[in-house]
N, C-alpha and C. Protein backbone atom coordinates (compact mmCIF):
# COMPACT_ATOMS: atom_id res chain seq x y z
N MET A 1 12.48 61.11 105.92
CA MET A 1 10.99 61.05 106.00
C MET A 1 10.00 59.80 104.78
N ALA A 2 10.24 60.24 103.42
CA ALA A 2 9.66 59.75 102.14
C ALA A 2 9.92 58.83 101.61
N ASP A 3 11.02 58.04 102.28
CA ASP A 3 11.62 56.60 101.83
C ASP A 3 11.11 55.88 102.41
N TRP A 4 10.89 56.02 104.35
CA TRP A 4 10.08 55.61 105.04
C TRP A 4 8.93 55.55 104.50
N ASN A 5 8.00 56.96 104.83
CA ASN A 5 6.89 56.90 104.59
C ASN A 5 6.53 55.27 102.84
N GLN A 6 7.51 55.41 102.20
CA GLN A 6 6.76 54.40 101.01
C GLN A 6 7.06 53.32 100.83
N GLN A 7 8.30 52.55 102.60
CA GLN A 7 8.20 50.86 102.84
C GLN A 7 7.42 51.22 103.40
N ILE A 8 6.22 51.89 103.98
CA ILE A 8 5.43 51.67 105.01
C ILE A 8 3.88 51.08 103.26
N ILE A 9 3.80 52.22 103.53
CA ILE A 9 3.16 52.44 102.39
C ILE A 9 2.84 50.68 101.46
N ASP A 10 4.01 50.67 101.19
CA ASP A 10 4.58 49.44 100.32
C ASP A 10 4.11 47.76 100.70
N GLU A 11 3.79 47.84 102.08
CA GLU A 11 4.62 46.70 102.36
C GLU A 11 2.76 46.48 103.12
N PHE A 12 2.26 47.67 103.26
CA PHE A 12 0.82 48.17 103.52
C PHE A 12 0.11 47.13 102.18
N ARG A 13 0.42 47.71 101.11
CA ARG A 13 -0.47 47.40 99.91
C ARG A 13 0.05 45.69 99.98
N ALA A 14 1.36 45.44 99.84
CA ALA A 14 2.17 44.13 100.18
C ALA A 14 1.06 42.73 100.85
N ASN A 15 0.60 43.31 101.75
CA ASN A 15 -0.07 41.95 103.07
C ASN A 15 -1.52 42.83 103.39
N ASP A 16 -2.50 43.70 101.73
CA ASP A 16 -3.22 43.72 103.04
C ASP A 16 -3.88 44.42 103.79
N GLY A 17 -3.04 45.69 104.61
CA GLY A 17 -3.10 46.28 105.35
C GLY A 17 -1.96 45.49 106.54
N THR A 18 -1.49 45.10 107.35
CA THR A 18 -0.44 44.79 107.67
C THR A 18 0.51 44.51 108.16
N VAL A 19 0.89 45.93 109.02
CA VAL A 19 2.51 46.41 108.58
C VAL A 19 3.08 46.21 110.09
N THR A 20 4.50 45.18 109.35
CA THR A 20 5.08 44.75 110.57
C THR A 20 6.30 45.18 111.43
N THR A 21 6.78 45.73 110.45
CA THR A 21 6.99 46.97 110.61
C THR A 21 6.31 48.30 111.67
N MET A 22 8.05 48.56 112.98
CA MET A 22 7.45 48.94 114.05
C MET A 22 6.61 48.13 114.39
N GLY A 23 5.43 47.27 114.39
CA GLY A 23 5.23 46.77 115.73
C GLY A 23 3.70 46.87 114.39
N PHE A 24 3.62 47.64 113.21
CA PHE A 24 2.05 48.50 113.36
C PHE A 24 0.89 47.66 113.31
N GLY A 25 1.37 45.70 112.92
CA GLY A 25 0.03 45.63 112.40
C GLY A 25 -1.39 45.93 111.69
N ARG A 26 -2.43 45.94 111.62
CA ARG A 26 -3.14 46.74 110.92
C ARG A 26 -4.00 47.85 111.77
N GLY A 27 -2.85 48.10 112.04
CA GLY A 27 -3.53 50.15 112.83
C GLY A 27 -3.79 50.85 111.98
N LEU A 28 -2.72 50.56 110.50
CA LEU A 28 -2.59 52.13 110.49
C LEU A 28 -4.12 52.77 108.60
N VAL A 29 -3.98 53.65 108.54
CA VAL A 29 -5.26 53.59 107.43
C VAL A 29 -3.67 54.76 106.77
N LEU A 30 -3.77 54.46 105.39
CA LEU A 30 -2.99 55.93 103.82
C LEU A 30 -4.05 56.53 103.75
N LEU A 31 -3.86 57.26 103.74
CA LEU A 31 -4.28 59.25 103.89
C LEU A 31 -4.44 59.49 102.06
N HIS A 32 -4.85 59.35 101.46
CA HIS A 32 -4.58 60.42 100.10
C HIS A 32 -5.31 61.21 99.99
N HIS A 33 -4.50 62.70 100.41
CA HIS A 33 -5.14 63.78 100.20
C HIS A 33 -3.87 65.07 99.47
N ARG A 34 -4.30 66.44 99.66
CA ARG A 34 -4.00 67.24 98.53
C ARG A 34 -3.32 68.56 98.51
N GLY A 35 -2.63 68.84 97.93
CA GLY A 35 -1.48 69.49 98.74
C GLY A 35 -1.94 70.60 98.77
N ALA A 36 -2.25 71.60 100.32
CA ALA A 36 -2.83 72.57 99.90
C ALA A 36 -2.82 74.15 99.29
N ARG A 37 -1.58 73.84 99.48
CA ARG A 37 -0.82 75.06 97.90
C ARG A 37 -0.70 74.79 97.11
N THR A 38 0.01 73.79 96.33
CA THR A 38 0.53 73.19 95.31
C THR A 38 -0.94 72.30 94.50
N GLY A 39 -2.19 71.69 95.36
CA GLY A 39 -2.51 70.84 95.12
C GLY A 39 -2.27 68.70 94.58
N ALA A 40 -1.19 68.93 94.92
CA ALA A 40 -0.42 67.53 94.45
C ALA A 40 -0.49 66.29 94.77
N GLU A 41 -1.25 65.84 95.05
CA GLU A 41 -1.68 64.22 95.40
C GLU A 41 -0.90 63.51 95.74
N ARG A 42 -0.94 63.61 97.22
CA ARG A 42 -0.05 62.46 97.91
C ARG A 42 -0.69 61.93 99.19
N VAL A 43 -0.10 60.48 99.75
CA VAL A 43 -0.41 59.64 100.40
C VAL A 43 0.71 59.74 101.46
N THR A 44 0.16 59.10 102.83
CA THR A 44 0.65 59.87 104.51
C THR A 44 0.20 58.22 105.08
N PRO A 45 1.00 57.42 105.47
CA PRO A 45 -0.06 56.44 106.44
C PRO A 45 0.74 57.24 108.07
N LEU A 46 -0.72 56.80 108.18
CA LEU A 46 -1.35 57.19 109.90
C LEU A 46 -1.95 56.26 110.11
N GLY A 47 -1.07 56.08 112.21
CA GLY A 47 -1.42 55.33 112.55
C GLY A 47 -2.80 55.73 113.03
N ALA A 48 -4.43 54.92 113.03
CA ALA A 48 -5.43 54.94 113.30
C ALA A 48 -6.95 54.56 114.12
N ILE A 49 -7.71 55.32 114.32
CA ILE A 49 -8.07 54.44 116.01
C ILE A 49 -10.19 53.56 114.65
N ARG A 50 -10.04 52.62 115.07
CA ARG A 50 -11.63 52.79 113.28
C ARG A 50 -12.57 53.40 115.17
N ASP A 51 -13.32 53.84 114.82
CA ASP A 51 -14.44 53.97 115.55
C ASP A 51 -15.61 53.65 115.17
N ASP A 52 -16.14 53.66 114.53
CA ASP A 52 -17.51 53.64 114.08
C ASP A 52 -17.19 52.64 112.96
N GLU A 53 -17.96 52.29 111.96
CA GLU A 53 -18.76 51.50 111.04
C GLU A 53 -18.17 52.16 109.86
N LYS A 54 -18.76 54.02 110.84
CA LYS A 54 -18.14 54.51 109.45
C LYS A 54 -17.68 55.66 109.45
N SER A 55 -16.88 55.45 110.77
CA SER A 55 -15.21 56.71 111.31
C SER A 55 -13.72 55.94 111.40
N TRP A 56 -13.18 56.91 111.27
CA TRP A 56 -12.04 56.38 112.20
C TRP A 56 -11.12 57.98 112.16
N LEU A 57 -10.83 58.34 113.22
CA LEU A 57 -9.63 58.70 114.31
C LEU A 57 -8.09 59.21 113.38
N ILE A 58 -7.57 60.45 113.23
CA ILE A 58 -5.91 60.07 113.24
C ILE A 58 -5.43 61.29 114.48
N ALA A 59 -3.93 61.16 114.22
CA ALA A 59 -3.88 62.47 115.04
C ALA A 59 -2.94 63.12 114.33
N ALA A 60 -2.84 64.69 114.46
CA ALA A 60 -1.41 64.93 113.52
C ALA A 60 -0.40 65.13 114.61
N SER A 61 0.80 63.69 114.45
CA SER A 61 1.08 64.18 116.21
C SER A 61 2.64 64.82 115.32
N ALA A 62 3.48 63.99 114.25
CA ALA A 62 4.26 65.04 113.93
C ALA A 62 5.81 64.08 114.58
N GLY A 63 5.39 62.69 115.67
CA GLY A 63 5.98 63.02 116.25
C GLY A 63 6.60 63.50 117.68
N GLY A 64 6.04 64.30 117.70
CA GLY A 64 5.91 65.04 118.79
C GLY A 64 6.68 66.76 118.24
N SER A 65 7.32 66.72 116.52
CA SER A 65 7.53 67.82 117.15
C SER A 65 7.31 69.34 116.97
N PRO A 66 7.49 70.21 117.31
CA PRO A 66 6.23 71.76 117.32
C PRO A 66 5.81 71.96 115.93
N ALA A 67 6.12 71.74 114.48
CA ALA A 67 4.61 71.79 113.80
C ALA A 67 4.01 71.12 112.99
N HIS A 68 3.03 71.03 113.10
CA HIS A 68 1.83 70.18 112.86
C HIS A 68 2.35 70.40 111.22
N PRO A 69 1.97 68.59 111.21
CA PRO A 69 2.45 68.03 109.71
C PRO A 69 2.12 67.96 108.48
N ALA A 70 2.66 68.67 107.24
CA ALA A 70 1.59 69.10 105.78
C ALA A 70 0.43 68.74 105.71
N TRP A 71 0.09 67.40 106.30
CA TRP A 71 -1.45 66.74 105.80
C TRP A 71 -2.29 67.37 107.07
N TYR A 72 -2.01 68.09 108.48
CA TYR A 72 -2.72 68.78 108.49
C TYR A 72 -3.39 70.01 107.66
N HIS A 73 -2.66 70.61 107.26
CA HIS A 73 -2.67 72.08 106.23
C HIS A 73 -3.52 71.60 105.11
N ASN A 74 -3.18 70.00 104.23
CA ASN A 74 -3.99 70.28 103.39
C ASN A 74 -4.38 69.39 103.89
N LEU A 75 -5.36 69.14 105.12
CA LEU A 75 -7.11 69.08 104.99
C LEU A 75 -8.12 69.29 105.50
N LEU A 76 -7.18 70.37 106.29
CA LEU A 76 -8.13 71.50 106.56
C LEU A 76 -8.04 72.28 104.84
N ALA A 77 -7.65 72.51 103.84
CA ALA A 77 -7.65 73.72 102.88
C ALA A 77 -8.79 72.72 101.41
N HIS A 78 -8.42 71.53 101.43
CA HIS A 78 -9.05 70.08 100.80
C HIS A 78 -9.54 68.67 101.96
N PRO A 79 -10.25 68.86 103.50
CA PRO A 79 -11.70 68.23 104.22
C PRO A 79 -11.84 66.24 102.88
N ASP A 80 -12.15 66.77 101.81
CA ASP A 80 -13.40 65.26 101.17
C ASP A 80 -11.70 65.29 101.10
N VAL A 81 -11.32 63.64 101.66
CA VAL A 81 -10.82 62.66 101.03
C VAL A 81 -10.78 60.90 100.84
N SER A 82 -9.50 60.84 101.13
CA SER A 82 -9.90 59.29 100.85
C SER A 82 -9.31 58.67 102.00
N ILE A 83 -8.96 57.24 102.02
CA ILE A 83 -8.07 56.28 103.06
C ILE A 83 -8.38 55.01 102.61
N GLU A 84 -7.18 54.56 102.60
CA GLU A 84 -6.55 52.87 102.12
C GLU A 84 -7.17 51.97 103.70
N THR A 85 -7.80 50.87 103.66
CA THR A 85 -8.00 51.00 105.32
C THR A 85 -8.03 49.38 104.98
N PRO A 86 -7.07 48.87 105.69
CA PRO A 86 -7.15 47.48 105.81
C PRO A 86 -8.15 46.46 106.76
N ASP A 87 -9.24 46.60 106.71
CA ASP A 87 -10.49 45.99 106.42
C ASP A 87 -11.73 45.98 105.32
N ASP A 88 -11.82 47.20 104.66
CA ASP A 88 -12.83 48.18 103.97
C ASP A 88 -11.74 48.60 102.70
N GLY A 89 -11.14 48.32 102.16
CA GLY A 89 -10.40 48.81 100.71
C GLY A 89 -10.56 50.63 101.32
N THR A 90 -10.59 51.08 99.88
CA THR A 90 -10.77 52.04 99.69
C THR A 90 -11.27 52.86 100.48
N VAL A 91 -11.66 53.91 100.93
CA VAL A 91 -13.49 54.86 101.04
C VAL A 91 -12.94 55.71 100.90
N ASP A 92 -13.48 56.60 100.49
CA ASP A 92 -13.92 58.67 100.97
C ASP A 92 -14.42 58.73 101.89
N VAL A 93 -13.91 59.92 102.56
CA VAL A 93 -14.28 60.20 103.60
C VAL A 93 -14.33 61.80 103.87
N ARG A 94 -15.01 62.73 104.92
CA ARG A 94 -14.89 64.09 104.86
C ARG A 94 -14.62 63.73 106.32
N ALA A 95 -12.71 64.61 106.37
CA ALA A 95 -12.92 65.05 107.67
C ALA A 95 -12.33 65.69 108.45
N GLU A 96 -12.29 66.37 110.09
CA GLU A 96 -13.44 67.16 110.71
C GLU A 96 -12.20 66.79 111.51
N GLU A 97 -12.24 68.83 112.18
CA GLU A 97 -10.98 68.19 113.39
C GLU A 97 -11.73 68.27 114.55
N LEU A 98 -11.45 68.14 115.09
CA LEU A 98 -11.95 67.64 116.37
C LEU A 98 -11.41 67.98 117.61
N LEU A 99 -12.07 69.66 118.63
CA LEU A 99 -11.60 70.74 119.50
C LEU A 99 -12.02 70.18 120.61
N ASP A 100 -11.83 70.74 121.13
CA ASP A 100 -12.26 70.76 122.67
C ASP A 100 -12.33 69.62 123.34
N ASP A 101 -13.62 69.25 124.56
CA ASP A 101 -13.33 68.34 124.64
C ASP A 101 -13.85 67.12 124.46
N ASP A 102 -14.20 67.18 123.06
CA ASP A 102 -14.23 65.81 121.88
C ASP A 102 -12.32 65.94 121.74
N ARG A 103 -12.15 66.92 121.25
CA ARG A 103 -9.99 66.60 120.58
C ARG A 103 -9.31 65.65 122.04
N ASP A 104 -10.03 66.35 123.46
CA ASP A 104 -9.53 65.47 124.48
C ASP A 104 -9.77 64.00 125.02
N GLU A 105 -10.70 64.80 124.99
CA GLU A 105 -12.02 62.50 124.90
C GLU A 105 -10.50 61.71 123.41
N VAL A 106 -10.92 62.17 122.24
CA VAL A 106 -10.27 61.34 121.09
C VAL A 106 -8.40 61.43 121.67
N TRP A 107 -8.07 62.44 122.04
CA TRP A 107 -6.09 61.60 122.09
C TRP A 107 -6.41 61.02 123.36
N ASP A 108 -7.14 61.11 124.79
CA ASP A 108 -6.36 60.43 125.66
C ASP A 108 -7.15 58.73 125.02
N ARG A 109 -7.81 58.34 124.13
CA ARG A 109 -7.74 56.86 122.90
C ARG A 109 -6.71 56.76 122.93
N PHE A 110 -5.59 58.43 122.04
CA PHE A 110 -4.52 57.57 121.35
C PHE A 110 -3.65 56.70 121.95
N LYS A 111 -3.47 58.48 123.23
CA LYS A 111 -2.66 57.56 124.67
C LYS A 111 -2.59 56.14 125.15
N ALA A 112 -3.81 56.14 124.98
CA ALA A 112 -3.75 54.55 125.95
C ALA A 112 -3.85 53.78 124.59
N MET A 113 -3.66 53.72 123.50
CA MET A 113 -3.11 53.09 123.07
C MET A 113 -2.08 53.07 122.66
N SER A 114 -1.53 53.62 123.27
CA SER A 114 0.49 53.91 122.90
C SER A 114 0.62 55.00 123.48
N ALA A 115 2.27 54.46 124.08
CA ALA A 115 2.23 54.86 125.20
C ALA A 115 3.64 56.06 123.81
N GLY A 116 4.09 55.78 122.17
CA GLY A 116 3.99 57.32 122.85
C GLY A 116 3.63 58.27 122.48
N PHE A 117 2.20 57.66 121.33
CA PHE A 117 1.35 59.26 121.88
C PHE A 117 1.71 60.37 123.12
N ALA A 118 2.01 60.20 123.93
CA ALA A 118 1.55 60.14 125.58
C ALA A 118 3.46 61.14 125.63
N GLU A 119 4.76 60.18 124.65
CA GLU A 119 5.73 60.83 124.49
C GLU A 119 5.73 62.13 123.84
N TYR A 120 5.02 62.31 122.62
CA TYR A 120 4.27 62.51 121.75
C TYR A 120 4.22 64.15 122.28
N GLU A 121 3.61 63.63 123.10
CA GLU A 121 2.41 65.16 123.40
C GLU A 121 3.78 66.04 124.50
N ARG A 122 4.30 65.51 125.63
CA ARG A 122 5.48 65.62 126.16
C ARG A 122 6.15 66.70 125.15
N LYS A 123 7.17 66.11 124.52
CA LYS A 123 7.99 66.84 123.57
C LYS A 123 7.42 67.73 122.81
N ALA A 124 6.31 68.65 122.42
CA ALA A 124 5.74 69.18 121.21
C ALA A 124 4.66 70.60 122.25
N SER A 125 5.37 71.32 121.47
CA SER A 125 4.89 72.49 122.58
C SER A 125 4.15 72.83 121.40
N ARG A 126 2.82 72.31 121.30
CA ARG A 126 1.73 72.98 120.93
C ARG A 126 0.61 71.97 121.00
N VAL A 127 -0.28 71.50 120.98
CA VAL A 127 -1.31 70.83 121.19
C VAL A 127 -1.89 69.90 119.88
N ILE A 128 -1.22 68.05 119.97
CA ILE A 128 -1.25 68.16 118.77
C ILE A 128 -3.51 67.81 118.30
N PRO A 129 -3.45 68.33 117.05
CA PRO A 129 -4.29 68.12 116.90
C PRO A 129 -5.05 66.84 116.08
N VAL A 130 -6.42 66.38 116.42
CA VAL A 130 -7.04 65.91 116.35
C VAL A 130 -8.19 65.30 114.62
N PHE A 131 -7.86 63.26 114.00
CA PHE A 131 -9.16 64.20 112.90
C PHE A 131 -10.27 63.03 113.42
N ARG A 132 -11.03 63.57 112.95
CA ARG A 132 -12.75 62.11 112.45
C ARG A 132 -12.30 62.62 111.16
N LEU A 133 -12.48 60.93 110.25
CA LEU A 133 -12.79 60.03 109.17
C LEU A 133 -14.00 59.86 108.93
N THR A 134 -14.89 61.08 108.55
CA THR A 134 -15.90 59.84 108.65
C THR A 134 -16.55 59.47 107.06
N ARG A 135 -17.44 57.85 106.78
CA ARG A 135 -16.94 58.19 104.89
C ARG A 135 -18.41 58.65 104.68
N ARG A 136 -17.81 59.57 103.73
CA ARG A 136 -18.93 59.93 102.71
C ARG A 136 -19.77 59.04 101.70
């Protein structure tokens, strides 16, 4: 997975945020986060929805796996992070996990954006978390 992520990161950076691999287009952000236990810096490409001028939405789908992705735990431990975006460059943001009706509303937006998210939901034995990343 690390090699695939690095390929996506490289393509994102080489093409000013456009990733043709798997048809991502300009729908990704690169999340810069720190390990919850190690503090090691990481970069993870993620599908994102631009919510407004100051915020982006991301989903911890992990392809429908039974466990949350590592970055989910990292955001809970260290919510002040940054993202590289196709249109705004690098932006410092604060991550907030959305809960209950707020989470459900945003999750519906992800499923409307891509049928893959509905498939992840069917496969997962967990509620897939979503976050709002708000400009600091």
